[in-house]
PDB file of N, CA and C in Angstrom:
ATOM      1  N   MET A   1     -36.763 -16.889  -0.184  1.00  0.00           N
ATOM      2  CA  MET A   1     -35.404 -16.925  -0.681  1.00  0.00           C
ATOM      3  C   MET A   1     -34.769 -15.548  -0.478  1.00  0.00           C
ATOM      4  N   SER A   2     -33.555 -15.526  -0.029  1.00  0.00           N
ATOM      5  CA  SER A   2     -32.858 -14.284   0.275  1.00  0.00           C
ATOM      6  C   SER A   2     -32.021 -13.816  -0.918  1.00  0.00           C
ATOM      7  N   ASP A   3     -31.948 -12.497  -1.092  1.00  0.00           N
ATOM      8  CA  ASP A   3     -31.112 -11.915  -2.139  1.00  0.00           C
ATOM      9  C   ASP A   3     -29.716 -11.580  -1.622  1.00  0.00           C
ATOM     10  N   VAL A   4     -29.429 -11.971  -0.380  1.00  0.00           N
ATOM     11  CA  VAL A   4     -28.142 -11.653   0.219  1.00  0.00           C
ATOM     12  C   VAL A   4     -27.049 -12.477  -0.469  1.00  0.00           C
ATOM     13  N   LYS A   5     -26.005 -11.775  -0.902  1.00  0.00           N
ATOM     14  CA  LYS A   5     -24.872 -12.441  -1.530  1.00  0.00           C
ATOM     15  C   LYS A   5     -24.096 -13.198  -0.464  1.00  0.00           C
ATOM     16  N   LYS A   6     -23.738 -14.441  -0.741  1.00  0.00           N
ATOM     17  CA  LYS A   6     -22.984 -15.237   0.218  1.00  0.00           C
ATOM     18  C   LYS A   6     -21.539 -14.774   0.239  1.00  0.00           C
ATOM     19  N   ALA A   7     -21.069 -14.499   1.434  1.00  0.00           N
ATOM     20  CA  ALA A   7     -19.686 -14.078   1.611  1.00  0.00           C
ATOM     21  C   ALA A   7     -18.782 -15.302   1.635  1.00  0.00           C
ATOM     22  N   VAL A   8     -17.641 -15.179   1.026  1.00  0.00           N
ATOM     23  CA  VAL A   8     -16.675 -16.270   0.973  1.00  0.00           C
ATOM     24  C   VAL A   8     -15.379 -15.784   1.618  1.00  0.00           C
ATOM     25  N   VAL A   9     -14.890 -16.534   2.580  1.00  0.00           N
ATOM     26  CA  VAL A   9     -13.620 -16.203   3.218  1.00  0.00           C
ATOM     27  C   VAL A   9     -12.503 -16.551   2.243  1.00  0.00           C
ATOM     28  N   GLN A  10     -11.553 -15.658   2.120  1.00  0.00           N
ATOM     29  CA  GLN A  10     -10.455 -15.862   1.181  1.00  0.00           C
ATOM     30  C   GLN A  10      -9.124 -15.738   1.891  1.00  0.00           C
ATOM     31  N   LEU A  11      -8.284 -16.714   1.714  1.00  0.00           N
ATOM     32  CA  LEU A  11      -6.894 -16.616   2.154  1.00  0.00           C
ATOM     33  C   LEU A  11      -6.085 -16.051   0.994  1.00  0.00           C
ATOM     34  N   PHE A  12      -5.146 -15.174   1.282  1.00  0.00           N
ATOM     35  CA  PHE A  12      -4.304 -14.644   0.207  1.00  0.00           C
ATOM     36  C   PHE A  12      -3.598 -15.782  -0.519  1.00  0.00           C
ATOM     37  N   SER A  13      -3.253 -16.839   0.212  1.00  0.00           N
ATOM     38  CA  SER A  13      -2.547 -17.971  -0.399  1.00  0.00           C
ATOM     39  C   SER A  13      -3.436 -18.798  -1.320  1.00  0.00           C
ATOM     40  N   ASP A  14      -4.768 -18.577  -1.280  1.00  0.00           N
ATOM     41  CA  ASP A  14      -5.691 -19.308  -2.157  1.00  0.00           C
ATOM     42  C   ASP A  14      -5.652 -18.799  -3.593  1.00  0.00           C
ATOM     43  N   VAL A  15      -5.266 -17.545  -3.765  1.00  0.00           N
ATOM     44  CA  VAL A  15      -5.310 -16.913  -5.080  1.00  0.00           C
ATOM     45  C   VAL A  15      -3.964 -16.245  -5.342  1.00  0.00           C
ATOM     46  N   LEU A  16      -3.413 -16.446  -6.512  1.00  0.00           N
ATOM     47  CA  LEU A  16      -2.192 -15.752  -6.891  1.00  0.00           C
ATOM     48  C   LEU A  16      -2.517 -14.848  -8.073  1.00  0.00           C
ATOM     49  N   PRO A  17      -2.904 -13.594  -7.765  1.00  0.00           N
ATOM     50  CA  PRO A  17      -3.251 -12.685  -8.856  1.00  0.00           C
ATOM     51  C   PRO A  17      -2.032 -12.351  -9.711  1.00  0.00           C
ATOM     52  N   GLU A  18      -2.289 -11.953 -10.948  1.00  0.00           N
ATOM     53  CA  GLU A  18      -1.207 -11.521 -11.827  1.00  0.00           C
ATOM     54  C   GLU A  18      -0.576 -10.259 -11.233  1.00  0.00           C
ATOM     55  N   PRO A  19       0.733 -10.184 -11.209  1.00  0.00           N
ATOM     56  CA  PRO A  19       1.375  -8.977 -10.673  1.00  0.00           C
ATOM     57  C   PRO A  19       1.203  -7.801 -11.636  1.00  0.00           C
ATOM     58  N   GLU A  20       1.096  -6.612 -11.053  1.00  0.00           N
ATOM     59  CA  GLU A  20       1.067  -5.374 -11.828  1.00  0.00           C
ATOM     60  C   GLU A  20       2.344  -4.616 -11.469  1.00  0.00           C
ATOM     61  N   PHE A  21       3.013  -4.072 -12.458  1.00  0.00           N
ATOM     62  CA  PHE A  21       4.277  -3.378 -12.245  1.00  0.00           C
ATOM     63  C   PHE A  21       4.124  -1.896 -12.561  1.00  0.00           C
ATOM     64  N   ASP A  22       4.797  -1.061 -11.784  1.00  0.00           N
ATOM     65  CA  ASP A  22       4.839   0.357 -12.089  1.00  0.00           C
ATOM     66  C   ASP A  22       6.101   0.966 -11.492  1.00  0.00           C
ATOM     67  N   PHE A  23       6.304   2.232 -11.784  1.00  0.00           N
ATOM     68  CA  PHE A  23       7.433   3.015 -11.287  1.00  0.00           C
ATOM     69  C   PHE A  23       6.884   4.362 -10.831  1.00  0.00           C
ATOM     70  N   PRO A  24       7.541   5.025  -9.870  1.00  0.00           N
ATOM     71  CA  PRO A  24       7.073   6.355  -9.465  1.00  0.00           C
ATOM     72  C   PRO A  24       7.088   7.306 -10.667  1.00  0.00           C
ATOM     73  N   LEU A  25       6.110   8.180 -10.719  1.00  0.00           N
ATOM     74  CA  LEU A  25       6.103   9.198 -11.761  1.00  0.00           C
ATOM     75  C   LEU A  25       7.365  10.043 -11.627  1.00  0.00           C
ATOM     76  N   GLU A  26       7.923  10.455 -12.756  1.00  0.00           N
ATOM     77  CA  GLU A  26       9.174  11.209 -12.749  1.00  0.00           C
ATOM     78  C   GLU A  26       9.099  12.443 -11.847  1.00  0.00           C
ATOM     79  N   GLU A  27       7.971  13.152 -11.893  1.00  0.00           N
ATOM     80  CA  GLU A  27       7.849  14.377 -11.092  1.00  0.00           C
ATOM     81  C   GLU A  27       7.712  14.097  -9.597  1.00  0.00           C
ATOM     82  N   ARG A  28       7.495  12.842  -9.211  1.00  0.00           N
ATOM     83  CA  ARG A  28       7.395  12.486  -7.791  1.00  0.00           C
ATOM     84  C   ARG A  28       8.664  11.850  -7.247  1.00  0.00           C
ATOM     85  N   ARG A  29       9.561  11.418  -8.133  1.00  0.00           N
ATOM     86  CA  ARG A  29      10.775  10.724  -7.704  1.00  0.00           C
ATOM     87  C   ARG A  29      11.699  11.621  -6.907  1.00  0.00           C
ATOM     88  N   VAL A  30      12.237  11.057  -5.825  1.00  0.00           N
ATOM     89  CA  VAL A  30      13.238  11.736  -5.002  1.00  0.00           C
ATOM     90  C   VAL A  30      14.592  11.079  -5.229  1.00  0.00           C
ATOM     91  N   SER A  31      14.601   9.734  -5.232  1.00  0.00           N
ATOM     92  CA  SER A  31      15.842   9.001  -5.513  1.00  0.00           C
ATOM     93  C   SER A  31      15.511   7.654  -6.141  1.00  0.00           C
ATOM     94  N   GLY A  32      16.380   7.215  -7.031  1.00  0.00           N
ATOM     95  CA  GLY A  32      16.185   5.948  -7.707  1.00  0.00           C
ATOM     96  C   GLY A  32      14.981   5.978  -8.637  1.00  0.00           C
ATOM     97  N   ASN A  33      14.683   4.824  -9.202  1.00  0.00           N
ATOM     98  CA  ASN A  33      13.491   4.632 -10.024  1.00  0.00           C
ATOM     99  C   ASN A  33      12.996   3.210  -9.754  1.00  0.00           C
ATOM    100  N   PRO A  34      12.546   2.974  -8.509  1.00  0.00           N
ATOM    101  CA  PRO A  34      12.249   1.606  -8.094  1.00  0.00           C
ATOM    102  C   PRO A  34      11.056   0.980  -8.816  1.00  0.00           C
ATOM    103  N   LYS A  35      11.260  -0.265  -9.204  1.00  0.00           N
ATOM    104  CA  LYS A  35      10.155  -1.051  -9.755  1.00  0.00           C
ATOM    105  C   LYS A  35       9.284  -1.471  -8.576  1.00  0.00           C
ATOM    106  N   ARG A  36       7.964  -1.244  -8.722  1.00  0.00           N
ATOM    107  CA  ARG A  36       7.017  -1.603  -7.672  1.00  0.00           C
ATOM    108  C   ARG A  36       6.072  -2.665  -8.241  1.00  0.00           C
ATOM    109  N   THR A  37       5.758  -3.645  -7.419  1.00  0.00           N
ATOM    110  CA  THR A  37       4.910  -4.756  -7.846  1.00  0.00           C
ATOM    111  C   THR A  37       3.720  -4.856  -6.912  1.00  0.00           C
ATOM    112  N   THR A  38       2.527  -4.967  -7.489  1.00  0.00           N
ATOM    113  CA  THR A  38       1.301  -5.091  -6.702  1.00  0.00           C
ATOM    114  C   THR A  38       0.562  -6.362  -7.105  1.00  0.00           C
ATOM    115  N   TRP A  39       0.153  -7.132  -6.096  1.00  0.00           N
ATOM    116  CA  TRP A  39      -0.721  -8.279  -6.288  1.00  0.00           C
ATOM    117  C   TRP A  39      -2.041  -7.918  -5.614  1.00  0.00           C
ATOM    118  N   SER A  40      -3.057  -7.576  -6.400  1.00  0.00           N
ATOM    119  CA  SER A  40      -4.355  -7.148  -5.854  1.00  0.00           C
ATOM    120  C   SER A  40      -5.200  -8.381  -5.540  1.00  0.00           C
ATOM    121  N   HIS A  41      -5.387  -8.624  -4.256  1.00  0.00           N
ATOM    122  CA  HIS A  41      -6.121  -9.810  -3.821  1.00  0.00           C
ATOM    123  C   HIS A  41      -7.611  -9.565  -3.636  1.00  0.00           C
ATOM    124  N   PHE A  42      -7.998  -8.339  -3.331  1.00  0.00           N
ATOM    125  CA  PHE A  42      -9.410  -8.099  -3.010  1.00  0.00           C
ATOM    126  C   PHE A  42      -9.780  -6.637  -3.240  1.00  0.00           C
ATOM    127  N   VAL A  43     -10.915  -6.429  -3.877  1.00  0.00           N
ATOM    128  CA  VAL A  43     -11.560  -5.117  -3.965  1.00  0.00           C
ATOM    129  C   VAL A  43     -13.024  -5.373  -3.672  1.00  0.00           C
ATOM    130  N   ASN A  44     -13.589  -4.627  -2.704  1.00  0.00           N
ATOM    131  CA  ASN A  44     -14.992  -4.881  -2.372  1.00  0.00           C
ATOM    132  C   ASN A  44     -15.911  -4.336  -3.473  1.00  0.00           C
ATOM    133  N   ASP A  45     -17.178  -4.704  -3.408  1.00  0.00           N
ATOM    134  CA  ASP A  45     -18.143  -4.357  -4.459  1.00  0.00           C
ATOM    135  C   ASP A  45     -18.286  -2.852  -4.667  1.00  0.00           C
ATOM    136  N   SER A  46     -18.151  -2.063  -3.614  1.00  0.00           N
ATOM    137  CA  SER A  46     -18.309  -0.609  -3.744  1.00  0.00           C
ATOM    138  C   SER A  46     -17.022   0.078  -4.203  1.00  0.00           C
ATOM    139  N   GLY A  47     -15.913  -0.662  -4.254  1.00  0.00           N
ATOM    140  CA  GLY A  47     -14.644  -0.072  -4.657  1.00  0.00           C
ATOM    141  C   GLY A  47     -14.024   0.819  -3.601  1.00  0.00           C
ATOM    142  N   GLU A  48     -14.443   0.643  -2.351  1.00  0.00           N
ATOM    143  CA  GLU A  48     -13.912   1.463  -1.259  1.00  0.00           C
ATOM    144  C   GLU A  48     -12.752   0.802  -0.526  1.00  0.00           C
ATOM    145  N   VAL A  49     -12.615  -0.515  -0.638  1.00  0.00           N
ATOM    146  CA  VAL A  49     -11.601  -1.255   0.114  1.00  0.00           C
ATOM    147  C   VAL A  49     -10.759  -2.073  -0.858  1.00  0.00           C
ATOM    148  N   TYR A  50      -9.430  -1.915  -0.736  1.00  0.00           N
ATOM    149  CA  TYR A  50      -8.475  -2.634  -1.569  1.00  0.00           C
ATOM    150  C   TYR A  50      -7.496  -3.344  -0.655  1.00  0.00           C
ATOM    151  N   MET A  51      -7.175  -4.606  -0.979  1.00  0.00           N
ATOM    152  CA  MET A  51      -6.229  -5.369  -0.165  1.00  0.00           C
ATOM    153  C   MET A  51      -5.310  -6.172  -1.067  1.00  0.00           C
ATOM    154  N   GLY A  52      -4.088  -6.332  -0.626  1.00  0.00           N
ATOM    155  CA  GLY A  52      -3.174  -7.142  -1.404  1.00  0.00           C
ATOM    156  C   GLY A  52      -1.778  -7.139  -0.839  1.00  0.00           C
ATOM    157  N   VAL A  53      -0.842  -7.452  -1.711  1.00  0.00           N
ATOM    158  CA  VAL A  53       0.575  -7.487  -1.372  1.00  0.00           C
ATOM    159  C   VAL A  53       1.280  -6.534  -2.326  1.00  0.00           C
ATOM    160  N   TRP A  54       2.230  -5.795  -1.789  1.00  0.00           N
ATOM    161  CA  TRP A  54       2.961  -4.798  -2.570  1.00  0.00           C
ATOM    162  C   TRP A  54       4.437  -4.941  -2.253  1.00  0.00           C
ATOM    163  N   ALA A  55       5.281  -4.784  -3.260  1.00  0.00           N
ATOM    164  CA  ALA A  55       6.730  -4.857  -3.067  1.00  0.00           C
ATOM    165  C   ALA A  55       7.393  -3.732  -3.848  1.00  0.00           C
ATOM    166  N   SER A  56       8.557  -3.295  -3.371  1.00  0.00           N
ATOM    167  CA  SER A  56       9.281  -2.235  -4.052  1.00  0.00           C
ATOM    168  C   SER A  56      10.776  -2.404  -3.884  1.00  0.00           C
ATOM    169  N   GLU A  57      11.494  -2.017  -4.939  1.00  0.00           N
ATOM    170  CA  GLU A  57      12.942  -1.905  -4.872  1.00  0.00           C
ATOM    171  C   GLU A  57      13.292  -0.627  -4.102  1.00  0.00           C
ATOM    172  N   VAL A  58      14.559  -0.453  -3.811  1.00  0.00           N
ATOM    173  CA  VAL A  58      15.046   0.713  -3.075  1.00  0.00           C
ATOM    174  C   VAL A  58      14.828   1.990  -3.890  1.00  0.00           C
ATOM    175  N   GLY A  59      14.374   3.037  -3.206  1.00  0.00           N
ATOM    176  CA  GLY A  59      14.156   4.334  -3.832  1.00  0.00           C
ATOM    177  C   GLY A  59      13.235   5.172  -2.964  1.00  0.00           C
ATOM    178  N   ALA A  60      12.945   6.398  -3.411  1.00  0.00           N
ATOM    179  CA  ALA A  60      12.076   7.292  -2.644  1.00  0.00           C
ATOM    180  C   ALA A  60      11.255   8.151  -3.600  1.00  0.00           C
ATOM    181  N   TRP A  61      10.024   8.495  -3.164  1.00  0.00           N
ATOM    182  CA  TRP A  61       9.135   9.311  -3.978  1.00  0.00           C
ATOM    183  C   TRP A  61       8.126  10.022  -3.081  1.00  0.00           C
ATOM    184  N   HIS A  62       7.590  11.114  -3.591  1.00  0.00           N
ATOM    185  CA  HIS A  62       6.554  11.861  -2.877  1.00  0.00           C
ATOM    186  C   HIS A  62       5.239  11.096  -2.939  1.00  0.00           C
ATOM    187  N   ILE A  63       4.527  11.071  -1.797  1.00  0.00           N
ATOM    188  CA  ILE A  63       3.195  10.472  -1.751  1.00  0.00           C
ATOM    189  C   ILE A  63       2.207  11.524  -1.262  1.00  0.00           C
ATOM    190  N   GLU A  64       0.956  11.339  -1.644  1.00  0.00           N
ATOM    191  CA  GLU A  64      -0.113  12.221  -1.199  1.00  0.00           C
ATOM    192  C   GLU A  64      -1.391  11.391  -1.106  1.00  0.00           C
ATOM    193  N   MET A  65      -1.847  11.164   0.129  1.00  0.00           N
ATOM    194  CA  MET A  65      -3.076  10.405   0.333  1.00  0.00           C
ATOM    195  C   MET A  65      -4.269  11.311   0.031  1.00  0.00           C
ATOM    196  N   GLY A  66      -5.287  10.744  -0.564  1.00  0.00           N
ATOM    197  CA  GLY A  66      -6.489  11.518  -0.840  1.00  0.00           C
ATOM    198  C   GLY A  66      -7.179  11.920   0.456  1.00  0.00           C
ATOM    199  N   PRO A  67      -8.120  12.859   0.396  1.00  0.00           N
ATOM    200  CA  PRO A  67      -8.787  13.356   1.603  1.00  0.00           C
ATOM    201  C   PRO A  67      -9.658  12.317   2.313  1.00  0.00           C
ATOM    202  N   THR A  68     -10.001  11.229   1.629  1.00  0.00           N
ATOM    203  CA  THR A  68     -10.822  10.178   2.246  1.00  0.00           C
ATOM    204  C   THR A  68     -10.143   8.812   2.132  1.00  0.00           C
ATOM    205  N   GLU A  69      -8.819   8.804   1.940  1.00  0.00           N
ATOM    206  CA  GLU A  69      -8.075   7.569   1.684  1.00  0.00           C
ATOM    207  C   GLU A  69      -7.094   7.279   2.818  1.00  0.00           C
ATOM    208  N   ASP A  70      -7.325   6.191   3.549  1.00  0.00           N
ATOM    209  CA  ASP A  70      -6.428   5.742   4.615  1.00  0.00           C
ATOM    210  C   ASP A  70      -5.770   4.438   4.175  1.00  0.00           C
ATOM    211  N   GLU A  71      -4.518   4.239   4.598  1.00  0.00           N
ATOM    212  CA  GLU A  71      -3.847   2.972   4.317  1.00  0.00           C
ATOM    213  C   GLU A  71      -3.280   2.396   5.599  1.00  0.00           C
ATOM    214  N   TYR A  72      -3.497   1.103   5.761  1.00  0.00           N
ATOM    215  CA  TYR A  72      -2.852   0.310   6.808  1.00  0.00           C
ATOM    216  C   TYR A  72      -1.975  -0.689   6.079  1.00  0.00           C
ATOM    217  N   PHE A  73      -0.734  -0.880   6.555  1.00  0.00           N
ATOM    218  CA  PHE A  73       0.065  -1.960   5.989  1.00  0.00           C
ATOM    219  C   PHE A  73       0.899  -2.636   7.063  1.00  0.00           C
ATOM    220  N   TYR A  74       1.229  -3.895   6.786  1.00  0.00           N
ATOM    221  CA  TYR A  74       2.044  -4.718   7.663  1.00  0.00           C
ATOM    222  C   TYR A  74       3.272  -5.138   6.868  1.00  0.00           C
ATOM    223  N   VAL A  75       4.451  -4.812   7.368  1.00  0.00           N
ATOM    224  CA  VAL A  75       5.691  -5.079   6.647  1.00  0.00           C
ATOM    225  C   VAL A  75       6.076  -6.553   6.808  1.00  0.00           C
ATOM    226  N   ILE A  76       6.194  -7.236   5.679  1.00  0.00           N
ATOM    227  CA  ILE A  76       6.574  -8.649   5.658  1.00  0.00           C
ATOM    228  C   ILE A  76       8.098  -8.775   5.644  1.00  0.00           C
ATOM    229  N   GLU A  77       8.734  -7.942   4.823  1.00  0.00           N
ATOM    230  CA  GLU A  77      10.202  -7.968   4.757  1.00  0.00           C
ATOM    231  C   GLU A  77      10.720  -6.603   4.312  1.00  0.00           C
ATOM    232  N   GLY A  78      11.964  -6.315   4.679  1.00  0.00           N
ATOM    233  CA  GLY A  78      12.603  -5.080   4.267  1.00  0.00           C
ATOM    234  C   GLY A  78      12.466  -3.960   5.283  1.00  0.00           C
ATOM    235  N   ARG A  79      12.915  -2.769   4.860  1.00  0.00           N
ATOM    236  CA  ARG A  79      12.875  -1.592   5.727  1.00  0.00           C
ATOM    237  C   ARG A  79      12.530  -0.362   4.907  1.00  0.00           C
ATOM    238  N   GLY A  80      11.896   0.603   5.586  1.00  0.00           N
ATOM    239  CA  GLY A  80      11.579   1.859   4.920  1.00  0.00           C
ATOM    240  C   GLY A  80      11.338   2.958   5.924  1.00  0.00           C
ATOM    241  N   ARG A  81      10.976   4.118   5.393  1.00  0.00           N
ATOM    242  CA  ARG A  81      10.614   5.250   6.254  1.00  0.00           C
ATOM    243  C   ARG A  81       9.644   6.128   5.499  1.00  0.00           C
ATOM    244  N   ILE A  82       8.842   6.824   6.274  1.00  0.00           N
ATOM    245  CA  ILE A  82       7.943   7.824   5.733  1.00  0.00           C
ATOM    246  C   ILE A  82       8.304   9.139   6.407  1.00  0.00           C
ATOM    247  N   VAL A  83       8.542  10.151   5.599  1.00  0.00           N
ATOM    248  CA  VAL A  83       8.946  11.455   6.114  1.00  0.00           C
ATOM    249  C   VAL A  83       7.829  12.451   5.821  1.00  0.00           C
ATOM    250  N   GLY A  84       7.317  13.063   6.888  1.00  0.00           N
ATOM    251  CA  GLY A  84       6.294  14.087   6.753  1.00  0.00           C
ATOM    252  C   GLY A  84       6.802  15.412   7.263  1.00  0.00           C
ATOM    253  N   ASP A  85       5.934  16.397   7.297  1.00  0.00           N
ATOM    254  CA  ASP A  85       6.322  17.731   7.779  1.00  0.00           C
ATOM    255  C   ASP A  85       6.752  17.711   9.246  1.00  0.00           C
ATOM    256  N   LEU A  86       6.114  16.853  10.053  1.00  0.00           N
ATOM    257  CA  LEU A  86       6.352  16.876  11.493  1.00  0.00           C
ATOM    258  C   LEU A  86       7.392  15.867  11.973  1.00  0.00           C
ATOM    259  N   ALA A  87       7.546  14.752  11.261  1.00  0.00           N
ATOM    260  CA  ALA A  87       8.461  13.715  11.742  1.00  0.00           C
ATOM    261  C   ALA A  87       8.718  12.671  10.671  1.00  0.00           C
ATOM    262  N   ALA A  88       9.725  11.841  10.933  1.00  0.00           N
ATOM    263  CA  ALA A  88      10.011  10.683  10.093  1.00  0.00           C
ATOM    264  C   ALA A  88       9.730   9.434  10.925  1.00  0.00           C
ATOM    265  N   LYS A  89       9.118   8.447  10.303  1.00  0.00           N
ATOM    266  CA  LYS A  89       8.845   7.178  10.971  1.00  0.00           C
ATOM    267  C   LYS A  89       9.519   6.074  10.181  1.00  0.00           C
ATOM    268  N   GLU A  90      10.365   5.305  10.857  1.00  0.00           N
ATOM    269  CA  GLU A  90      11.017   4.169  10.222  1.00  0.00           C
ATOM    270  C   GLU A  90      10.251   2.902  10.562  1.00  0.00           C
ATOM    271  N   PHE A  91      10.272   1.945   9.641  1.00  0.00           N
ATOM    272  CA  PHE A  91       9.573   0.680   9.861  1.00  0.00           C
ATOM    273  C   PHE A  91      10.355  -0.452   9.214  1.00  0.00           C
ATOM    274  N   ALA A  92      10.112  -1.665   9.741  1.00  0.00           N
ATOM    275  CA  ALA A  92      10.815  -2.855   9.257  1.00  0.00           C
ATOM    276  C   ALA A  92       9.884  -4.055   9.400  1.00  0.00           C
ATOM    277  N   ALA A  93      10.364  -5.210   8.956  1.00  0.00           N
ATOM    278  CA  ALA A  93       9.567  -6.435   9.026  1.00  0.00           C
ATOM    279  C   ALA A  93       8.974  -6.595  10.424  1.00  0.00           C
ATOM    280  N   GLY A  94       7.676  -6.875  10.460  1.00  0.00           N
ATOM    281  CA  GLY A  94       6.962  -7.046  11.721  1.00  0.00           C
ATOM    282  C   GLY A  94       6.217  -5.805  12.176  1.00  0.00           C
ATOM    283  N   ASP A  95       6.463  -4.654  11.550  1.00  0.00           N
ATOM    284  CA  ASP A  95       5.783  -3.419  11.939  1.00  0.00           C
ATOM    285  C   ASP A  95       4.471  -3.232  11.190  1.00  0.00           C
ATOM    286  N   ALA A  96       3.503  -2.659  11.877  1.00  0.00           N
ATOM    287  CA  ALA A  96       2.228  -2.262  11.286  1.00  0.00           C
ATOM    288  C   ALA A  96       2.210  -0.740  11.226  1.00  0.00           C
ATOM    289  N   VAL A  97       1.755  -0.190  10.106  1.00  0.00           N
ATOM    290  CA  VAL A  97       1.827   1.245   9.866  1.00  0.00           C
ATOM    291  C   VAL A  97       0.488   1.742   9.339  1.00  0.00           C
ATOM    292  N   VAL A  98       0.098   2.950   9.744  1.00  0.00           N
ATOM    293  CA  VAL A  98      -1.090   3.606   9.210  1.00  0.00           C
ATOM    294  C   VAL A  98      -0.672   4.932   8.593  1.00  0.00           C
ATOM    295  N   ILE A  99      -1.111   5.167   7.358  1.00  0.00           N
ATOM    296  CA  ILE A  99      -0.933   6.468   6.709  1.00  0.00           C
ATOM    297  C   ILE A  99      -2.337   7.073   6.619  1.00  0.00           C
ATOM    298  N   PRO A 100      -2.578   8.182   7.320  1.00  0.00           N
ATOM    299  CA  PRO A 100      -3.930   8.737   7.366  1.00  0.00           C
ATOM    300  C   PRO A 100      -4.292   9.550   6.126  1.00  0.00           C
ATOM    301  N   ALA A 101      -5.583   9.703   5.935  1.00  0.00           N
ATOM    302  CA  ALA A 101      -6.104  10.521   4.839  1.00  0.00           C
ATOM    303  C   ALA A 101      -5.481  11.911   4.895  1.00  0.00           C
ATOM    304  N   GLY A 102      -5.158  12.438   3.723  1.00  0.00           N
ATOM    305  CA  GLY A 102      -4.617  13.781   3.632  1.00  0.00           C
ATOM    306  C   GLY A 102      -3.118  13.897   3.860  1.00  0.00           C
ATOM    307  N   PHE A 103      -2.449  12.804   4.248  1.00  0.00           N
ATOM    308  CA  PHE A 103      -1.010  12.863   4.515  1.00  0.00           C
ATOM    309  C   PHE A 103      -0.239  13.182   3.230  1.00  0.00           C
ATOM    310  N   LYS A 104       0.779  14.027   3.353  1.00  0.00           N
ATOM    311  CA  LYS A 104       1.699  14.329   2.260  1.00  0.00           C
ATOM    312  C   LYS A 104       3.111  14.172   2.791  1.00  0.00           C
ATOM    313  N   GLY A 105       3.966  13.528   2.016  1.00  0.00           N
ATOM    314  CA  GLY A 105       5.335  13.348   2.450  1.00  0.00           C
ATOM    315  C   GLY A 105       6.132  12.546   1.451  1.00  0.00           C
ATOM    316  N   VAL A 106       7.180  11.893   1.954  1.00  0.00           N
ATOM    317  CA  VAL A 106       8.055  11.070   1.119  1.00  0.00           C
ATOM    318  C   VAL A 106       8.041   9.644   1.656  1.00  0.00           C
ATOM    319  N   PHE A 107       7.839   8.687   0.765  1.00  0.00           N
ATOM    320  CA  PHE A 107       7.916   7.265   1.092  1.00  0.00           C
ATOM    321  C   PHE A 107       9.263   6.790   0.582  1.00  0.00           C
ATOM    322  N   GLU A 108      10.071   6.244   1.483  1.00  0.00           N
ATOM    323  CA  GLU A 108      11.405   5.778   1.106  1.00  0.00           C
ATOM    324  C   GLU A 108      11.564   4.300   1.428  1.00  0.00           C
ATOM    325  N   VAL A 109      11.979   3.530   0.443  1.00  0.00           N
ATOM    326  CA  VAL A 109      12.315   2.124   0.635  1.00  0.00           C
ATOM    327  C   VAL A 109      13.823   2.064   0.820  1.00  0.00           C
ATOM    328  N   VAL A 110      14.249   1.692   2.029  1.00  0.00           N
ATOM    329  CA  VAL A 110      15.665   1.648   2.387  1.00  0.00           C
ATOM    330  C   VAL A 110      16.269   0.298   2.025  1.00  0.00           C
ATOM    331  N   GLU A 111      15.473  -0.751   2.186  1.00  0.00           N
ATOM    332  CA  GLU A 111      15.874  -2.129   1.873  1.00  0.00           C
ATOM    333  C   GLU A 111      14.662  -2.768   1.212  1.00  0.00           C
ATOM    334  N   THR A 112      14.849  -3.459   0.091  1.00  0.00           N
ATOM    335  CA  THR A 112      13.733  -4.019  -0.671  1.00  0.00           C
ATOM    336  C   THR A 112      12.597  -4.414   0.267  1.00  0.00           C
ATOM    337  N   LEU A 113      11.410  -3.892  -0.023  1.00  0.00           N
ATOM    338  CA  LEU A 113      10.275  -3.956   0.897  1.00  0.00           C
ATOM    339  C   LEU A 113       9.134  -4.777   0.317  1.00  0.00           C
ATOM    340  N   LYS A 114       8.453  -5.508   1.200  1.00  0.00           N
ATOM    341  CA  LYS A 114       7.234  -6.233   0.830  1.00  0.00           C
ATOM    342  C   LYS A 114       6.250  -6.058   1.969  1.00  0.00           C
ATOM    343  N   LYS A 115       5.000  -5.781   1.623  1.00  0.00           N
ATOM    344  CA  LYS A 115       3.999  -5.530   2.665  1.00  0.00           C
ATOM    345  C   LYS A 115       2.631  -6.057   2.248  1.00  0.00           C
ATOM    346  N   HIS A 116       1.813  -6.391   3.242  1.00  0.00           N
ATOM    347  CA  HIS A 116       0.374  -6.587   3.050  1.00  0.00           C
ATOM    348  C   HIS A 116      -0.250  -5.215   3.241  1.00  0.00           C
ATOM    349  N   TYR A 117      -1.194  -4.846   2.403  1.00  0.00           N
ATOM    350  CA  TYR A 117      -1.812  -3.528   2.541  1.00  0.00           C
ATOM    351  C   TYR A 117      -3.330  -3.609   2.517  1.00  0.00           C
ATOM    352  N   VAL A 118      -3.941  -2.634   3.165  1.00  0.00           N
ATOM    353  CA  VAL A 118      -5.386  -2.419   3.118  1.00  0.00           C
ATOM    354  C   VAL A 118      -5.575  -0.917   2.913  1.00  0.00           C
ATOM    355  N   ILE A 119      -6.238  -0.551   1.823  1.00  0.00           N
ATOM    356  CA  ILE A 119      -6.547   0.852   1.549  1.00  0.00           C
ATOM    357  C   ILE A 119      -8.057   1.005   1.596  1.00  0.00           C
ATOM    358  N   VAL A 120      -8.505   1.982   2.372  1.00  0.00           N
ATOM    359  CA  VAL A 120      -9.929   2.296   2.457  1.00  0.00           C
ATOM    360  C   VAL A 120     -10.123   3.695   1.901  1.00  0.00           C
ATOM    361  N   GLU A 121     -10.909   3.794   0.864  1.00  0.00           N
ATOM    362  CA  GLU A 121     -11.217   5.086   0.253  1.00  0.00           C
ATOM    363  C   GLU A 121     -12.723   5.312   0.407  1.00  0.00           C
ATOM    364  N   ARG A 122     -13.058   6.056   1.470  1.00  0.00           N
ATOM    365  CA  ARG A 122     -14.460   6.255   1.814  1.00  0.00           C
ATOM    366  C   ARG A 122     -15.172   7.110   0.762  1.00  0.00           C
ATOM    367  N   GLN A 123     -16.415   6.758   0.483  1.00  0.00           N
ATOM    368  CA  GLN A 123     -17.250   7.614  -0.372  1.00  0.00           C
ATOM    369  C   GLN A 123     -17.551   8.872   0.393  1.00  0.00           C
ATOM    370  N   LYS A 124     -17.568  10.002  -0.267  1.00  0.00           N
ATOM    371  CA  LYS A 124     -17.850  11.276   0.416  1.00  0.00           C
ATOM    372  C   LYS A 124     -19.283  11.360   0.848  1.00  0.00           C
TER     373      LYS A 124
END
């Protein structure tokens, strides 16, 4: 008999997690005070991988990725931009975006945004 845990394929549409709401911290806000909603669909056993759906109202705030934290997201609807020291990148529905570990900048939601996200936070 094997001790291997059976993996189960999950469609996001199979589960509707309870939404979690938050707002940018006051010291990080650049403009507005957008309500952000997260539906956490998956966290792996080691806590290194997070996946779900995220939405935000219009606004902007400072972001800072951890030294071992990468994010990939796919924009479902809306528009936004990320502004870093070297450049600004705009994105809209249909775009796939990567924010690398260690990135610091401003995340701006230009038009109410919804995205699928995958965050990988590697163990050191």
